[in-house]
Amino acid sequence: MGIGQVINMFIRMFGNRLMNKGISKSIRTMNQTGGKQTAQQRSREKATRQAVKRARQAARITKRLR
């Protein structure tokens, strides 16, 4: 493994972690209502978490296909 491949691997790892943290933070900030949530907000939050989970799975699968 060359030095270029190692650098690319670390850049990809850092980018993926940064993206995951950004997604999680944006979900948290969208849902900060300062108290109780309505049923609609809870269902929207659950749907968002599931969509994020599917997006991460798709990213993993496409990474394997490369």
PDB file of N, CA and C in Angstrom:
ATOM      1  N   MET A   1       0.851  -1.170   0.000  1.00  0.00           N
ATOM      2  CA  MET A   1       0.000   0.000   0.000  1.00  0.00           C
ATOM      3  C   MET A   1       0.896   1.231   0.000  1.00  0.00           C
ATOM      4  N   GLY A   2       0.669   2.078  -0.972  1.00  0.00           N
ATOM      5  CA  GLY A   2       1.480   3.281  -1.092  1.00  0.00           C
ATOM      6  C   GLY A   2       1.025   4.373  -0.138  1.00  0.00           C
ATOM      7  N   ILE A   3       1.856   5.373  -0.018  1.00  0.00           N
ATOM      8  CA  ILE A   3       1.553   6.478   0.894  1.00  0.00           C
ATOM      9  C   ILE A   3       0.308   7.239   0.439  1.00  0.00           C
ATOM     10  N   GLY A   4       0.096   7.321  -0.871  1.00  0.00           N
ATOM     11  CA  GLY A   4      -1.095   7.997  -1.393  1.00  0.00           C
ATOM     12  C   GLY A   4      -2.375   7.283  -0.993  1.00  0.00           C
ATOM     13  N   GLN A   5      -2.346   5.951  -1.031  1.00  0.00           N
ATOM     14  CA  GLN A   5      -3.521   5.175  -0.634  1.00  0.00           C
ATOM     15  C   GLN A   5      -3.820   5.346   0.850  1.00  0.00           C
ATOM     16  N   VAL A   6      -2.771   5.378   1.660  1.00  0.00           N
ATOM     17  CA  VAL A   6      -2.957   5.558   3.105  1.00  0.00           C
ATOM     18  C   VAL A   6      -3.572   6.928   3.387  1.00  0.00           C
ATOM     19  N   ILE A   7      -3.065   7.944   2.718  1.00  0.00           N
ATOM     20  CA  ILE A   7      -3.600   9.298   2.911  1.00  0.00           C
ATOM     21  C   ILE A   7      -5.061   9.356   2.479  1.00  0.00           C
ATOM     22  N   ASN A   8      -5.379   8.759   1.323  1.00  0.00           N
ATOM     23  CA  ASN A   8      -6.767   8.743   0.856  1.00  0.00           C
ATOM     24  C   ASN A   8      -7.677   8.011   1.833  1.00  0.00           C
ATOM     25  N   MET A   9      -7.184   6.921   2.416  1.00  0.00           N
ATOM     26  CA  MET A   9      -7.977   6.162   3.377  1.00  0.00           C
ATOM     27  C   MET A   9      -8.311   7.024   4.593  1.00  0.00           C
ATOM     28  N   PHE A  10      -7.318   7.736   5.121  1.00  0.00           N
ATOM     29  CA  PHE A  10      -7.559   8.583   6.285  1.00  0.00           C
ATOM     30  C   PHE A  10      -8.489   9.750   5.948  1.00  0.00           C
ATOM     31  N   ILE A  11      -8.343  10.306   4.768  1.00  0.00           N
ATOM     32  CA  ILE A  11      -9.228  11.400   4.360  1.00  0.00           C
ATOM     33  C   ILE A  11     -10.665  10.908   4.257  1.00  0.00           C
ATOM     34  N   ARG A  12     -10.869   9.730   3.679  1.00  0.00           N
ATOM     35  CA  ARG A  12     -12.218   9.162   3.577  1.00  0.00           C
ATOM     36  C   ARG A  12     -12.808   8.893   4.947  1.00  0.00           C
ATOM     37  N   MET A  13     -11.998   8.309   5.845  1.00  0.00           N
ATOM     38  CA  MET A  13     -12.485   8.019   7.198  1.00  0.00           C
ATOM     39  C   MET A  13     -12.884   9.305   7.906  1.00  0.00           C
ATOM     40  N   PHE A  14     -12.052  10.320   7.808  1.00  0.00           N
ATOM     41  CA  PHE A  14     -12.341  11.602   8.449  1.00  0.00           C
ATOM     42  C   PHE A  14     -13.599  12.231   7.852  1.00  0.00           C
ATOM     43  N   GLY A  15     -13.716  12.187   6.542  1.00  0.00           N
ATOM     44  CA  GLY A  15     -14.888  12.759   5.873  1.00  0.00           C
ATOM     45  C   GLY A  15     -16.174  12.058   6.264  1.00  0.00           C
ATOM     46  N   ASN A  16     -16.131  10.731   6.352  1.00  0.00           N
ATOM     47  CA  ASN A  16     -17.326   9.982   6.742  1.00  0.00           C
ATOM     48  C   ASN A  16     -17.737  10.305   8.168  1.00  0.00           C
ATOM     49  N   ARG A  17     -16.784  10.372   9.068  1.00  0.00           N
ATOM     50  CA  ARG A  17     -17.112  10.697  10.462  1.00  0.00           C
ATOM     51  C   ARG A  17     -17.672  12.107  10.575  1.00  0.00           C
ATOM     52  N   LEU A  18     -17.068  13.021   9.840  1.00  0.00           N
ATOM     53  CA  LEU A  18     -17.537  14.400   9.858  1.00  0.00           C
ATOM     54  C   LEU A  18     -18.965  14.496   9.312  1.00  0.00           C
ATOM     55  N   MET A  19     -19.237  13.763   8.242  1.00  0.00           N
ATOM     56  CA  MET A  19     -20.572  13.775   7.661  1.00  0.00           C
ATOM     57  C   MET A  19     -21.593  13.187   8.638  1.00  0.00           C
ATOM     58  N   ASN A  20     -21.261  12.067   9.284  1.00  0.00           N
ATOM     59  CA  ASN A  20     -22.175  11.447  10.238  1.00  0.00           C
ATOM     60  C   ASN A  20     -22.470  12.377  11.410  1.00  0.00           C
ATOM     61  N   LYS A  21     -21.443  13.037  11.919  1.00  0.00           N
ATOM     62  CA  LYS A  21     -21.656  13.964  13.038  1.00  0.00           C
ATOM     63  C   LYS A  21     -22.501  15.150  12.606  1.00  0.00           C
ATOM     64  N   GLY A  22     -22.284  15.641  11.407  1.00  0.00           N
ATOM     65  CA  GLY A  22     -23.077  16.757  10.904  1.00  0.00           C
ATOM     66  C   GLY A  22     -24.540  16.394  10.742  1.00  0.00           C
ATOM     67  N   ILE A  23     -24.801  15.192  10.235  1.00  0.00           N
ATOM     68  CA  ILE A  23     -26.183  14.738  10.081  1.00  0.00           C
ATOM     69  C   ILE A  23     -26.842  14.610  11.440  1.00  0.00           C
ATOM     70  N   SER A  24     -26.147  14.001  12.385  1.00  0.00           N
ATOM     71  CA  SER A  24     -26.715  13.824  13.722  1.00  0.00           C
ATOM     72  C   SER A  24     -26.987  15.166  14.386  1.00  0.00           C
ATOM     73  N   LYS A  25     -26.068  16.096  14.242  1.00  0.00           N
ATOM     74  CA  LYS A  25     -26.249  17.408  14.863  1.00  0.00           C
ATOM     75  C   LYS A  25     -27.416  18.157  14.240  1.00  0.00           C
ATOM     76  N   SER A  26     -27.556  18.060  12.933  1.00  0.00           N
ATOM     77  CA  SER A  26     -28.664  18.765  12.286  1.00  0.00           C
ATOM     78  C   SER A  26     -30.003  18.181  12.698  1.00  0.00           C
ATOM     79  N   ILE A  27     -30.066  16.877  12.895  1.00  0.00           N
ATOM     80  CA  ILE A  27     -31.309  16.253  13.363  1.00  0.00           C
ATOM     81  C   ILE A  27     -31.631  16.738  14.766  1.00  0.00           C
ATOM     82  N   ARG A  28     -30.622  16.798  15.625  1.00  0.00           N
ATOM     83  CA  ARG A  28     -30.858  17.261  16.996  1.00  0.00           C
ATOM     84  C   ARG A  28     -31.324  18.712  17.025  1.00  0.00           C
ATOM     85  N   THR A  29     -30.705  19.572  16.232  1.00  0.00           N
ATOM     86  CA  THR A  29     -31.080  20.986  16.265  1.00  0.00           C
ATOM     87  C   THR A  29     -32.464  21.210  15.669  1.00  0.00           C
ATOM     88  N   MET A  30     -32.866  20.402  14.704  1.00  0.00           N
ATOM     89  CA  MET A  30     -34.202  20.538  14.137  1.00  0.00           C
ATOM     90  C   MET A  30     -35.263  20.173  15.163  1.00  0.00           C
ATOM     91  N   ASN A  31     -34.935  19.278  16.074  1.00  0.00           N
ATOM     92  CA  ASN A  31     -35.928  18.765  17.008  1.00  0.00           C
ATOM     93  C   ASN A  31     -35.899  19.449  18.362  1.00  0.00           C
ATOM     94  N   GLN A  32     -35.085  20.465  18.545  1.00  0.00           N
ATOM     95  CA  GLN A  32     -35.041  21.155  19.829  1.00  0.00           C
ATOM     96  C   GLN A  32     -36.188  22.151  19.902  1.00  0.00           C
ATOM     97  N   THR A  33     -37.263  21.722  20.534  1.00  0.00           N
ATOM     98  CA  THR A  33     -38.424  22.598  20.669  1.00  0.00           C
ATOM     99  C   THR A  33     -38.516  23.148  22.072  1.00  0.00           C
ATOM    100  N   GLY A  34     -37.600  22.780  22.935  1.00  0.00           N
ATOM    101  CA  GLY A  34     -37.596  23.290  24.293  1.00  0.00           C
ATOM    102  C   GLY A  34     -38.570  22.575  25.208  1.00  0.00           C
ATOM    103  N   GLY A  35     -38.928  21.368  24.884  1.00  0.00           N
ATOM    104  CA  GLY A  35     -39.846  20.660  25.770  1.00  0.00           C
ATOM    105  C   GLY A  35     -40.436  19.432  25.111  1.00  0.00           C
ATOM    106  N   LYS A  36     -41.732  19.267  25.308  1.00  0.00           N
ATOM    107  CA  LYS A  36     -42.416  18.074  24.821  1.00  0.00           C
ATOM    108  C   LYS A  36     -42.633  18.151  23.317  1.00  0.00           C
ATOM    109  N   GLN A  37     -42.668  16.967  22.721  1.00  0.00           N
ATOM    110  CA  GLN A  37     -42.890  16.882  21.288  1.00  0.00           C
ATOM    111  C   GLN A  37     -44.313  16.402  21.021  1.00  0.00           C
ATOM    112  N   THR A  38     -44.839  16.835  19.911  1.00  0.00           N
ATOM    113  CA  THR A  38     -46.135  16.327  19.495  1.00  0.00           C
ATOM    114  C   THR A  38     -45.931  14.981  18.814  1.00  0.00           C
ATOM    115  N   ALA A  39     -47.017  14.281  18.592  1.00  0.00           N
ATOM    116  CA  ALA A  39     -46.934  12.978  17.926  1.00  0.00           C
ATOM    117  C   ALA A  39     -46.382  13.135  16.514  1.00  0.00           C
ATOM    118  N   GLN A  40     -46.745  14.219  15.856  1.00  0.00           N
ATOM    119  CA  GLN A  40     -46.254  14.455  14.503  1.00  0.00           C
ATOM    120  C   GLN A  40     -44.738  14.670  14.503  1.00  0.00           C
ATOM    121  N   GLN A  41     -44.230  15.401  15.477  1.00  0.00           N
ATOM    122  CA  GLN A  41     -42.787  15.632  15.557  1.00  0.00           C
ATOM    123  C   GLN A  41     -42.044  14.333  15.838  1.00  0.00           C
ATOM    124  N   ARG A  42     -42.598  13.505  16.734  1.00  0.00           N
ATOM    125  CA  ARG A  42     -41.956  12.219  17.031  1.00  0.00           C
ATOM    126  C   ARG A  42     -41.916  11.325  15.798  1.00  0.00           C
ATOM    127  N   SER A  43     -43.019  11.270  15.058  1.00  0.00           N
ATOM    128  CA  SER A  43     -43.040  10.424  13.866  1.00  0.00           C
ATOM    129  C   SER A  43     -42.084  10.958  12.802  1.00  0.00           C
ATOM    130  N   ARG A  44     -41.990  12.290  12.676  1.00  0.00           N
ATOM    131  CA  ARG A  44     -41.061  12.882  11.719  1.00  0.00           C
ATOM    132  C   ARG A  44     -39.621  12.575  12.113  1.00  0.00           C
ATOM    133  N   GLU A  45     -39.333  12.649  13.409  1.00  0.00           N
ATOM    134  CA  GLU A  45     -37.985  12.351  13.891  1.00  0.00           C
ATOM    135  C   GLU A  45     -37.630  10.892  13.632  1.00  0.00           C
ATOM    136  N   LYS A  46     -38.579  10.004  13.874  1.00  0.00           N
ATOM    137  CA  LYS A  46     -38.343   8.577  13.637  1.00  0.00           C
ATOM    138  C   LYS A  46     -38.094   8.320  12.153  1.00  0.00           C
ATOM    139  N   ALA A  47     -38.879   8.940  11.295  1.00  0.00           N
ATOM    140  CA  ALA A  47     -38.696   8.773   9.854  1.00  0.00           C
ATOM    141  C   ALA A  47     -37.338   9.313   9.412  1.00  0.00           C
ATOM    142  N   THR A  48     -36.919  10.417   9.999  1.00  0.00           N
ATOM    143  CA  THR A  48     -35.614  10.995   9.662  1.00  0.00           C
ATOM    144  C   THR A  48     -34.486  10.067  10.081  1.00  0.00           C
ATOM    145  N   ARG A  49     -34.598   9.506  11.294  1.00  0.00           N
ATOM    146  CA  ARG A  49     -33.568   8.564  11.750  1.00  0.00           C
ATOM    147  C   ARG A  49     -33.489   7.346  10.837  1.00  0.00           C
ATOM    148  N   GLN A  50     -34.639   6.842  10.405  1.00  0.00           N
ATOM    149  CA  GLN A  50     -34.646   5.690   9.506  1.00  0.00           C
ATOM    150  C   GLN A  50     -34.036   6.047   8.152  1.00  0.00           C
ATOM    151  N   ALA A  51     -34.325   7.243   7.658  1.00  0.00           N
ATOM    152  CA  ALA A  51     -33.755   7.675   6.380  1.00  0.00           C
ATOM    153  C   ALA A  51     -32.238   7.806   6.483  1.00  0.00           C
ATOM    154  N   VAL A  52     -31.768   8.329   7.598  1.00  0.00           N
ATOM    155  CA  VAL A  52     -30.321   8.451   7.809  1.00  0.00           C
ATOM    156  C   VAL A  52     -29.687   7.073   7.874  1.00  0.00           C
ATOM    157  N   LYS A  53     -30.354   6.150   8.548  1.00  0.00           N
ATOM    158  CA  LYS A  53     -29.840   4.779   8.654  1.00  0.00           C
ATOM    159  C   LYS A  53     -29.736   4.145   7.263  1.00  0.00           C
ATOM    160  N   ARG A  54     -30.768   4.328   6.432  1.00  0.00           N
ATOM    161  CA  ARG A  54     -30.732   3.778   5.078  1.00  0.00           C
ATOM    162  C   ARG A  54     -29.647   4.440   4.239  1.00  0.00           C
ATOM    163  N   ALA A  55     -29.450   5.732   4.417  1.00  0.00           N
ATOM    164  CA  ALA A  55     -28.406   6.436   3.662  1.00  0.00           C
ATOM    165  C   ALA A  55     -27.025   5.921   4.047  1.00  0.00           C
ATOM    166  N   ARG A  56     -26.819   5.685   5.338  1.00  0.00           N
ATOM    167  CA  ARG A  56     -25.528   5.148   5.779  1.00  0.00           C
ATOM    168  C   ARG A  56     -25.311   3.744   5.237  1.00  0.00           C
ATOM    169  N   GLN A  57     -26.373   2.924   5.234  1.00  0.00           N
ATOM    170  CA  GLN A  57     -26.256   1.578   4.682  1.00  0.00           C
ATOM    171  C   GLN A  57     -25.921   1.640   3.194  1.00  0.00           C
ATOM    172  N   ALA A  58     -26.576   2.524   2.470  1.00  0.00           N
ATOM    173  CA  ALA A  58     -26.302   2.672   1.041  1.00  0.00           C
ATOM    174  C   ALA A  58     -24.862   3.120   0.811  1.00  0.00           C
ATOM    175  N   ALA A  59     -24.375   4.014   1.655  1.00  0.00           N
ATOM    176  CA  ALA A  59     -22.990   4.473   1.523  1.00  0.00           C
ATOM    177  C   ALA A  59     -22.020   3.322   1.756  1.00  0.00           C
ATOM    178  N   ARG A  60     -22.326   2.488   2.753  1.00  0.00           N
ATOM    179  CA  ARG A  60     -21.462   1.331   3.014  1.00  0.00           C
ATOM    180  C   ARG A  60     -21.461   0.364   1.839  1.00  0.00           C
ATOM    181  N   ILE A  61     -22.641   0.117   1.274  1.00  0.00           N
ATOM    182  CA  ILE A  61     -22.740  -0.825   0.156  1.00  0.00           C
ATOM    183  C   ILE A  61     -21.989  -0.296  -1.058  1.00  0.00           C
ATOM    184  N   THR A  62     -22.171   0.978  -1.376  1.00  0.00           N
ATOM    185  CA  THR A  62     -21.470   1.530  -2.534  1.00  0.00           C
ATOM    186  C   THR A  62     -19.964   1.550  -2.308  1.00  0.00           C
ATOM    187  N   LYS A  63     -19.557   1.722  -1.060  1.00  0.00           N
ATOM    188  CA  LYS A  63     -18.127   1.691  -0.756  1.00  0.00           C
ATOM    189  C   LYS A  63     -17.562   0.298  -1.017  1.00  0.00           C
ATOM    190  N   ARG A  64     -18.352  -0.728  -0.694  1.00  0.00           N
ATOM    191  CA  ARG A  64     -17.896  -2.100  -0.936  1.00  0.00           C
ATOM    192  C   ARG A  64     -17.813  -2.411  -2.423  1.00  0.00           C
ATOM    193  N   LEU A  65     -18.703  -1.823  -3.204  1.00  0.00           N
ATOM    194  CA  LEU A  65     -18.734  -2.112  -4.634  1.00  0.00           C
ATOM    195  C   LEU A  65     -17.562  -1.500  -5.392  1.00  0.00           C
ATOM    196  N   ARG A  66     -16.922  -0.500  -4.817  1.00  0.00           N
ATOM    197  CA  ARG A  66     -15.792   0.139  -5.499  1.00  0.00           C
ATOM    198  C   ARG A  66     -14.635  -0.756  -5.616  1.00  0.00           C
TER     199      ARG A  66
END
